[in-house]
Amino acid sequence: MHGGLRYLEHYEFRLVSEALAEREVMLRIAPHLTRPLRFVMPYVPTLRPAWMIRLGLLLYDTLGLLHRRAYLPTLLPGSQAVDLRRSPLGAGLQDIYTKGYAYFDARTDDARLTLANAVPPPISARRS
């Protein structure tokens, strides 16, 4: 389950916004099926300028915040720039990657989610 960060490049703001709203709902109503997941994106200067990545992540964070209830804290931290030489987030990456960006999305077990939707709740849990 993801908010569709890659669709921002194609100006699919509504799609990203709807996906982030759904992600927020799933994190709140099904924490047993949905978990936060941090992604680390190494910076490669030949692919995109740093300002573009940072702006895209800022927009992604902002769209995500728009869909949370005002009285509830957000369930996912915002994105951040990372020095991959010093941060444990850079462990395991090649030394050529010195800078990167970390952001959060969510993951879910598709099979469990499908079963949760297909199997009716026990009679005692049903609303009348």
N, C-alpha and C. Protein backbone atom coordinates (compact mmCIF):
# COMPACT_ATOMS: atom_id res chain seq x y z
N MET A 1 0.87 -1.17 0.00
CA MET A 1 0.00 0.00 0.00
C MET A 1 0.90 1.22 0.00
N HIS A 2 0.69 2.08 -0.94
CA HIS A 2 1.52 3.26 -1.00
C HIS A 2 0.69 4.44 -1.50
N GLY A 3 1.24 5.60 -1.27
CA GLY A 3 0.55 6.82 -1.66
C GLY A 3 0.80 7.24 -3.09
N GLY A 4 1.69 6.58 -3.79
CA GLY A 4 1.90 6.88 -5.20
C GLY A 4 2.86 8.03 -5.46
N LEU A 5 3.97 8.05 -4.73
CA LEU A 5 4.95 9.12 -4.90
C LEU A 5 5.35 9.31 -6.36
N ARG A 6 5.52 8.23 -7.08
CA ARG A 6 5.98 8.33 -8.48
C ARG A 6 4.97 9.03 -9.39
N TYR A 7 3.71 9.06 -9.01
CA TYR A 7 2.70 9.70 -9.85
C TYR A 7 2.75 11.23 -9.79
N LEU A 8 3.46 11.77 -8.81
CA LEU A 8 3.58 13.23 -8.74
C LEU A 8 4.31 13.78 -9.96
N GLU A 9 5.26 13.02 -10.48
CA GLU A 9 6.00 13.47 -11.67
C GLU A 9 5.10 13.64 -12.88
N HIS A 10 3.99 12.93 -12.88
CA HIS A 10 3.04 13.00 -14.00
C HIS A 10 1.84 13.89 -13.67
N TYR A 11 1.98 14.67 -12.61
CA TYR A 11 0.95 15.63 -12.19
C TYR A 11 -0.37 14.96 -11.84
N GLU A 12 -0.31 13.76 -11.34
CA GLU A 12 -1.52 13.01 -10.95
C GLU A 12 -1.83 13.32 -9.47
N PHE A 13 -2.04 14.59 -9.18
CA PHE A 13 -2.21 15.02 -7.79
C PHE A 13 -3.45 14.41 -7.14
N ARG A 14 -4.53 14.32 -7.89
CA ARG A 14 -5.75 13.75 -7.33
C ARG A 14 -5.55 12.26 -6.99
N LEU A 15 -4.93 11.53 -7.88
CA LEU A 15 -4.66 10.12 -7.63
C LEU A 15 -3.79 9.93 -6.39
N VAL A 16 -2.74 10.72 -6.27
CA VAL A 16 -1.86 10.64 -5.12
C VAL A 16 -2.62 11.00 -3.85
N SER A 17 -3.41 12.04 -3.92
CA SER A 17 -4.18 12.48 -2.77
C SER A 17 -5.16 11.40 -2.31
N GLU A 18 -5.84 10.78 -3.24
CA GLU A 18 -6.79 9.71 -2.89
C GLU A 18 -6.07 8.50 -2.30
N ALA A 19 -4.91 8.16 -2.86
CA ALA A 19 -4.14 7.02 -2.35
C ALA A 19 -3.64 7.31 -0.93
N LEU A 20 -3.21 8.54 -0.68
CA LEU A 20 -2.74 8.90 0.66
C LEU A 20 -3.89 8.91 1.66
N ALA A 21 -5.07 9.33 1.23
CA ALA A 21 -6.24 9.30 2.11
C ALA A 21 -6.58 7.86 2.47
N GLU A 22 -6.54 6.96 1.50
CA GLU A 22 -6.81 5.55 1.76
C GLU A 22 -5.75 4.94 2.68
N ARG A 23 -4.51 5.32 2.46
CA ARG A 23 -3.43 4.83 3.32
C ARG A 23 -3.68 5.25 4.77
N GLU A 24 -4.08 6.49 4.97
CA GLU A 24 -4.35 6.99 6.31
C GLU A 24 -5.50 6.22 6.97
N VAL A 25 -6.55 5.96 6.21
CA VAL A 25 -7.69 5.20 6.73
C VAL A 25 -7.24 3.80 7.16
N MET A 26 -6.48 3.14 6.29
CA MET A 26 -6.03 1.78 6.60
C MET A 26 -5.12 1.75 7.82
N LEU A 27 -4.26 2.73 7.97
CA LEU A 27 -3.39 2.77 9.15
C LEU A 27 -4.20 2.94 10.43
N ARG A 28 -5.32 3.65 10.33
CA ARG A 28 -6.14 3.88 11.53
C ARG A 28 -7.08 2.72 11.84
N ILE A 29 -7.75 2.18 10.83
CA ILE A 29 -8.78 1.17 11.11
C ILE A 29 -8.25 -0.26 11.08
N ALA A 30 -7.07 -0.46 10.50
CA ALA A 30 -6.54 -1.82 10.41
C ALA A 30 -5.04 -1.85 10.73
N PRO A 31 -4.67 -1.41 11.94
CA PRO A 31 -3.24 -1.42 12.27
C PRO A 31 -2.67 -2.84 12.34
N HIS A 32 -3.54 -3.82 12.49
CA HIS A 32 -3.08 -5.21 12.50
C HIS A 32 -2.77 -5.72 11.08
N LEU A 33 -3.21 -4.98 10.06
CA LEU A 33 -2.97 -5.37 8.67
C LEU A 33 -2.04 -4.41 7.93
N THR A 34 -1.86 -3.22 8.48
CA THR A 34 -1.10 -2.18 7.81
C THR A 34 -0.02 -1.65 8.76
N ARG A 35 1.18 -1.52 8.26
CA ARG A 35 2.30 -1.06 9.07
C ARG A 35 3.07 0.04 8.33
N PRO A 36 3.59 1.01 9.10
CA PRO A 36 4.46 2.01 8.47
C PRO A 36 5.73 1.35 7.92
N LEU A 37 6.23 1.88 6.84
CA LEU A 37 7.44 1.35 6.21
C LEU A 37 8.28 2.52 5.71
N ARG A 38 9.53 2.58 6.17
CA ARG A 38 10.43 3.66 5.75
C ARG A 38 11.15 3.24 4.46
N PHE A 39 11.22 4.18 3.54
CA PHE A 39 11.97 3.99 2.30
C PHE A 39 13.15 4.95 2.31
N VAL A 40 14.28 4.49 1.83
CA VAL A 40 15.45 5.34 1.67
C VAL A 40 15.77 5.39 0.19
N MET A 41 15.78 6.60 -0.35
CA MET A 41 16.03 6.81 -1.77
C MET A 41 17.41 7.48 -1.90
N PRO A 42 18.42 6.73 -2.34
CA PRO A 42 19.73 7.36 -2.56
C PRO A 42 19.63 8.42 -3.65
N TYR A 43 20.37 9.50 -3.47
CA TYR A 43 20.35 10.58 -4.44
C TYR A 43 21.35 10.29 -5.56
N VAL A 44 20.85 10.34 -6.78
CA VAL A 44 21.68 10.16 -7.97
C VAL A 44 21.51 11.43 -8.81
N PRO A 45 22.53 12.29 -8.81
CA PRO A 45 22.40 13.61 -9.47
C PRO A 45 22.03 13.54 -10.94
N THR A 46 22.38 12.49 -11.63
CA THR A 46 22.09 12.41 -13.07
C THR A 46 20.63 12.08 -13.36
N LEU A 47 19.88 11.66 -12.34
CA LEU A 47 18.47 11.31 -12.56
C LEU A 47 17.52 12.50 -12.38
N ARG A 48 17.67 13.19 -11.25
CA ARG A 48 16.82 14.34 -10.95
C ARG A 48 17.60 15.30 -10.06
N PRO A 49 17.34 16.59 -10.17
CA PRO A 49 18.01 17.53 -9.26
C PRO A 49 17.49 17.36 -7.82
N ALA A 50 18.35 17.64 -6.86
CA ALA A 50 17.99 17.49 -5.45
C ALA A 50 16.77 18.32 -5.09
N TRP A 51 16.67 19.54 -5.62
CA TRP A 51 15.53 20.40 -5.28
C TRP A 51 14.21 19.77 -5.73
N MET A 52 14.24 19.05 -6.86
CA MET A 52 13.02 18.42 -7.37
C MET A 52 12.57 17.27 -6.46
N ILE A 53 13.52 16.49 -5.99
CA ILE A 53 13.19 15.39 -5.08
C ILE A 53 12.64 15.95 -3.78
N ARG A 54 13.33 16.96 -3.24
CA ARG A 54 12.88 17.55 -1.97
C ARG A 54 11.50 18.17 -2.11
N LEU A 55 11.26 18.87 -3.21
CA LEU A 55 9.96 19.49 -3.44
C LEU A 55 8.87 18.41 -3.59
N GLY A 56 9.18 17.35 -4.31
CA GLY A 56 8.23 16.25 -4.47
C GLY A 56 7.88 15.60 -3.14
N LEU A 57 8.89 15.39 -2.29
CA LEU A 57 8.64 14.79 -0.98
C LEU A 57 7.86 15.74 -0.07
N LEU A 58 8.15 17.03 -0.17
CA LEU A 58 7.38 18.02 0.60
C LEU A 58 5.92 18.01 0.17
N LEU A 59 5.67 17.96 -1.12
CA LEU A 59 4.31 17.89 -1.63
C LEU A 59 3.63 16.60 -1.17
N TYR A 60 4.35 15.50 -1.22
CA TYR A 60 3.83 14.19 -0.78
C TYR A 60 3.45 14.24 0.70
N ASP A 61 4.35 14.78 1.52
CA ASP A 61 4.06 14.93 2.95
C ASP A 61 2.83 15.81 3.18
N THR A 62 2.75 16.91 2.45
CA THR A 62 1.64 17.86 2.61
C THR A 62 0.32 17.23 2.20
N LEU A 63 0.30 16.54 1.07
CA LEU A 63 -0.93 15.87 0.65
C LEU A 63 -1.36 14.82 1.67
N GLY A 64 -0.38 14.13 2.27
CA GLY A 64 -0.70 13.15 3.30
C GLY A 64 -1.32 13.79 4.53
N LEU A 65 -0.83 14.96 4.92
CA LEU A 65 -1.36 15.65 6.09
C LEU A 65 -2.76 16.18 5.87
N LEU A 66 -3.11 16.48 4.64
CA LEU A 66 -4.44 17.03 4.34
C LEU A 66 -5.56 16.05 4.68
N HIS A 67 -5.24 14.77 4.73
CA HIS A 67 -6.28 13.77 4.91
C HIS A 67 -6.38 13.21 6.32
N ARG A 68 -5.61 13.74 7.21
CA ARG A 68 -5.75 13.25 8.58
C ARG A 68 -6.78 14.11 9.30
N ARG A 69 -7.38 13.54 10.29
CA ARG A 69 -8.34 14.29 11.10
C ARG A 69 -7.59 15.31 11.94
N ALA A 70 -8.15 16.49 12.08
CA ALA A 70 -7.46 17.57 12.78
C ALA A 70 -7.12 17.20 14.22
N TYR A 71 -7.95 16.38 14.87
CA TYR A 71 -7.73 16.05 16.27
C TYR A 71 -6.84 14.82 16.45
N LEU A 72 -6.43 14.19 15.36
CA LEU A 72 -5.56 13.02 15.45
C LEU A 72 -4.17 13.33 14.93
N PRO A 73 -3.15 12.85 15.62
CA PRO A 73 -1.80 13.07 15.08
C PRO A 73 -1.58 12.20 13.84
N THR A 74 -0.67 12.63 13.00
CA THR A 74 -0.35 11.82 11.84
C THR A 74 0.36 10.55 12.30
N LEU A 75 0.16 9.49 11.59
CA LEU A 75 0.76 8.22 11.96
C LEU A 75 2.14 8.02 11.36
N LEU A 76 2.49 8.84 10.39
CA LEU A 76 3.77 8.68 9.72
C LEU A 76 4.59 9.96 9.82
N PRO A 77 5.88 9.84 10.14
CA PRO A 77 6.73 11.03 10.16
C PRO A 77 6.94 11.58 8.76
N GLY A 78 7.36 12.82 8.68
CA GLY A 78 7.62 13.43 7.39
C GLY A 78 8.95 12.96 6.80
N SER A 79 9.18 13.33 5.57
CA SER A 79 10.41 12.95 4.88
C SER A 79 11.57 13.78 5.40
N GLN A 80 12.78 13.32 5.11
CA GLN A 80 13.96 14.05 5.54
C GLN A 80 15.14 13.73 4.63
N ALA A 81 16.05 14.69 4.53
CA ALA A 81 17.31 14.46 3.84
C ALA A 81 18.21 13.65 4.77
N VAL A 82 19.02 12.77 4.20
CA VAL A 82 19.85 11.88 5.01
C VAL A 82 21.28 11.89 4.48
N ASP A 83 22.23 12.01 5.40
CA ASP A 83 23.64 11.84 5.06
C ASP A 83 23.92 10.35 5.17
N LEU A 84 23.98 9.67 4.05
CA LEU A 84 24.11 8.22 4.04
C LEU A 84 25.48 7.73 4.52
N ARG A 85 26.47 8.62 4.60
CA ARG A 85 27.78 8.24 5.12
C ARG A 85 27.75 8.09 6.63
N ARG A 86 26.88 8.86 7.29
CA ARG A 86 26.84 8.88 8.75
C ARG A 86 25.62 8.15 9.34
N SER A 87 24.58 8.07 8.59
CA SER A 87 23.33 7.49 9.10
C SER A 87 23.33 5.97 8.94
N PRO A 88 22.74 5.27 9.90
CA PRO A 88 22.58 3.82 9.72
C PRO A 88 21.70 3.47 8.52
N LEU A 89 20.92 4.44 8.04
CA LEU A 89 20.08 4.19 6.86
C LEU A 89 20.92 3.95 5.61
N GLY A 90 22.19 4.36 5.64
CA GLY A 90 23.06 4.15 4.50
C GLY A 90 23.80 2.81 4.54
N ALA A 91 23.63 2.07 5.63
CA ALA A 91 24.30 0.77 5.75
C ALA A 91 23.86 -0.15 4.62
N GLY A 92 24.84 -0.80 4.02
CA GLY A 92 24.53 -1.74 2.96
C GLY A 92 24.51 -1.12 1.57
N LEU A 93 24.56 0.19 1.49
CA LEU A 93 24.59 0.86 0.18
C LEU A 93 26.03 1.04 -0.28
N GLN A 94 26.22 1.13 -1.56
CA GLN A 94 27.55 1.39 -2.10
C GLN A 94 28.03 2.77 -1.65
N ASP A 95 29.35 2.92 -1.52
CA ASP A 95 29.94 4.17 -1.05
C ASP A 95 29.68 5.36 -1.97
N ILE A 96 29.31 5.11 -3.21
CA ILE A 96 29.04 6.22 -4.12
C ILE A 96 27.80 7.01 -3.71
N TYR A 97 26.93 6.41 -2.91
CA TYR A 97 25.72 7.09 -2.44
C TYR A 97 26.02 7.76 -1.11
N THR A 98 26.13 9.07 -1.13
CA THR A 98 26.47 9.81 0.08
C THR A 98 25.29 10.60 0.64
N LYS A 99 24.34 10.88 -0.22
CA LYS A 99 23.18 11.68 0.16
C LYS A 99 21.92 10.92 -0.26
N GLY A 100 20.87 11.09 0.52
CA GLY A 100 19.61 10.43 0.16
C GLY A 100 18.44 11.09 0.86
N TYR A 101 17.30 10.49 0.68
CA TYR A 101 16.07 10.99 1.27
C TYR A 101 15.30 9.82 1.86
N ALA A 102 14.76 10.02 3.04
CA ALA A 102 13.96 8.99 3.69
C ALA A 102 12.52 9.49 3.78
N TYR A 103 11.60 8.62 3.49
CA TYR A 103 10.18 8.95 3.63
C TYR A 103 9.43 7.69 4.03
N PHE A 104 8.23 7.89 4.52
CA PHE A 104 7.42 6.77 5.00
C PHE A 104 6.21 6.55 4.11
N ASP A 105 5.87 5.31 3.95
CA ASP A 105 4.63 4.86 3.34
C ASP A 105 4.10 3.76 4.25
N ALA A 106 3.29 2.90 3.71
CA ALA A 106 2.74 1.81 4.52
C ALA A 106 2.79 0.53 3.71
N ARG A 107 2.83 -0.57 4.42
CA ARG A 107 2.78 -1.88 3.77
C ARG A 107 1.63 -2.67 4.38
N THR A 108 1.16 -3.61 3.62
CA THR A 108 0.10 -4.47 4.11
C THR A 108 0.30 -5.87 3.56
N ASP A 109 -0.26 -6.83 4.24
CA ASP A 109 -0.25 -8.21 3.77
C ASP A 109 -1.50 -8.37 2.91
N ASP A 110 -1.33 -8.42 1.60
CA ASP A 110 -2.47 -8.46 0.68
C ASP A 110 -3.39 -9.64 0.95
N ALA A 111 -2.84 -10.79 1.26
CA ALA A 111 -3.66 -11.98 1.50
C ALA A 111 -4.52 -11.79 2.75
N ARG A 112 -3.94 -11.28 3.82
CA ARG A 112 -4.71 -11.06 5.05
C ARG A 112 -5.76 -9.97 4.85
N LEU A 113 -5.41 -8.94 4.10
CA LEU A 113 -6.38 -7.87 3.83
C LEU A 113 -7.55 -8.40 3.02
N THR A 114 -7.27 -9.23 2.03
CA THR A 114 -8.34 -9.83 1.22
C THR A 114 -9.24 -10.71 2.09
N LEU A 115 -8.65 -11.53 2.93
CA LEU A 115 -9.44 -12.38 3.82
C LEU A 115 -10.29 -11.55 4.79
N ALA A 116 -9.70 -10.49 5.31
CA ALA A 116 -10.44 -9.64 6.25
C ALA A 116 -11.67 -9.02 5.59
N ASN A 117 -11.60 -8.77 4.29
CA ASN A 117 -12.73 -8.19 3.57
C ASN A 117 -13.71 -9.25 3.09
N ALA A 118 -13.24 -10.47 2.88
CA ALA A 118 -14.09 -11.52 2.32
C ALA A 118 -14.86 -12.28 3.39
N VAL A 119 -14.26 -12.42 4.56
CA VAL A 119 -14.89 -13.20 5.63
C VAL A 119 -15.75 -12.27 6.48
N PRO A 120 -17.04 -12.59 6.65
CA PRO A 120 -17.89 -11.73 7.46
C PRO A 120 -17.50 -11.81 8.93
N PRO A 121 -17.69 -10.71 9.67
CA PRO A 121 -17.37 -10.73 11.10
C PRO A 121 -18.32 -11.64 11.86
N PRO A 122 -17.94 -12.10 13.04
CA PRO A 122 -18.84 -12.91 13.86
C PRO A 122 -20.13 -12.13 14.15
N ILE A 123 -21.19 -12.84 14.37
CA ILE A 123 -22.49 -12.19 14.62
C ILE A 123 -22.40 -11.23 15.79
N SER A 124 -21.63 -11.58 16.82
CA SER A 124 -21.52 -10.71 18.00
C SER A 124 -20.85 -9.37 17.68
N ALA A 125 -20.09 -9.31 16.61
CA ALA A 125 -19.39 -8.08 16.24
C ALA A 125 -20.16 -7.24 15.22
N ARG A 126 -21.23 -7.77 14.70
CA ARG A 126 -21.99 -7.05 13.67
C ARG A 126 -22.85 -5.97 14.31
N ARG A 127 -23.01 -4.89 13.57
CA ARG A 127 -23.90 -3.80 14.02
C ARG A 127 -25.32 -4.16 13.63
N SER A 128 -26.24 -3.74 14.45
CA SER A 128 -27.65 -4.01 14.13
C SER A 128 -28.29 -2.89 13.37
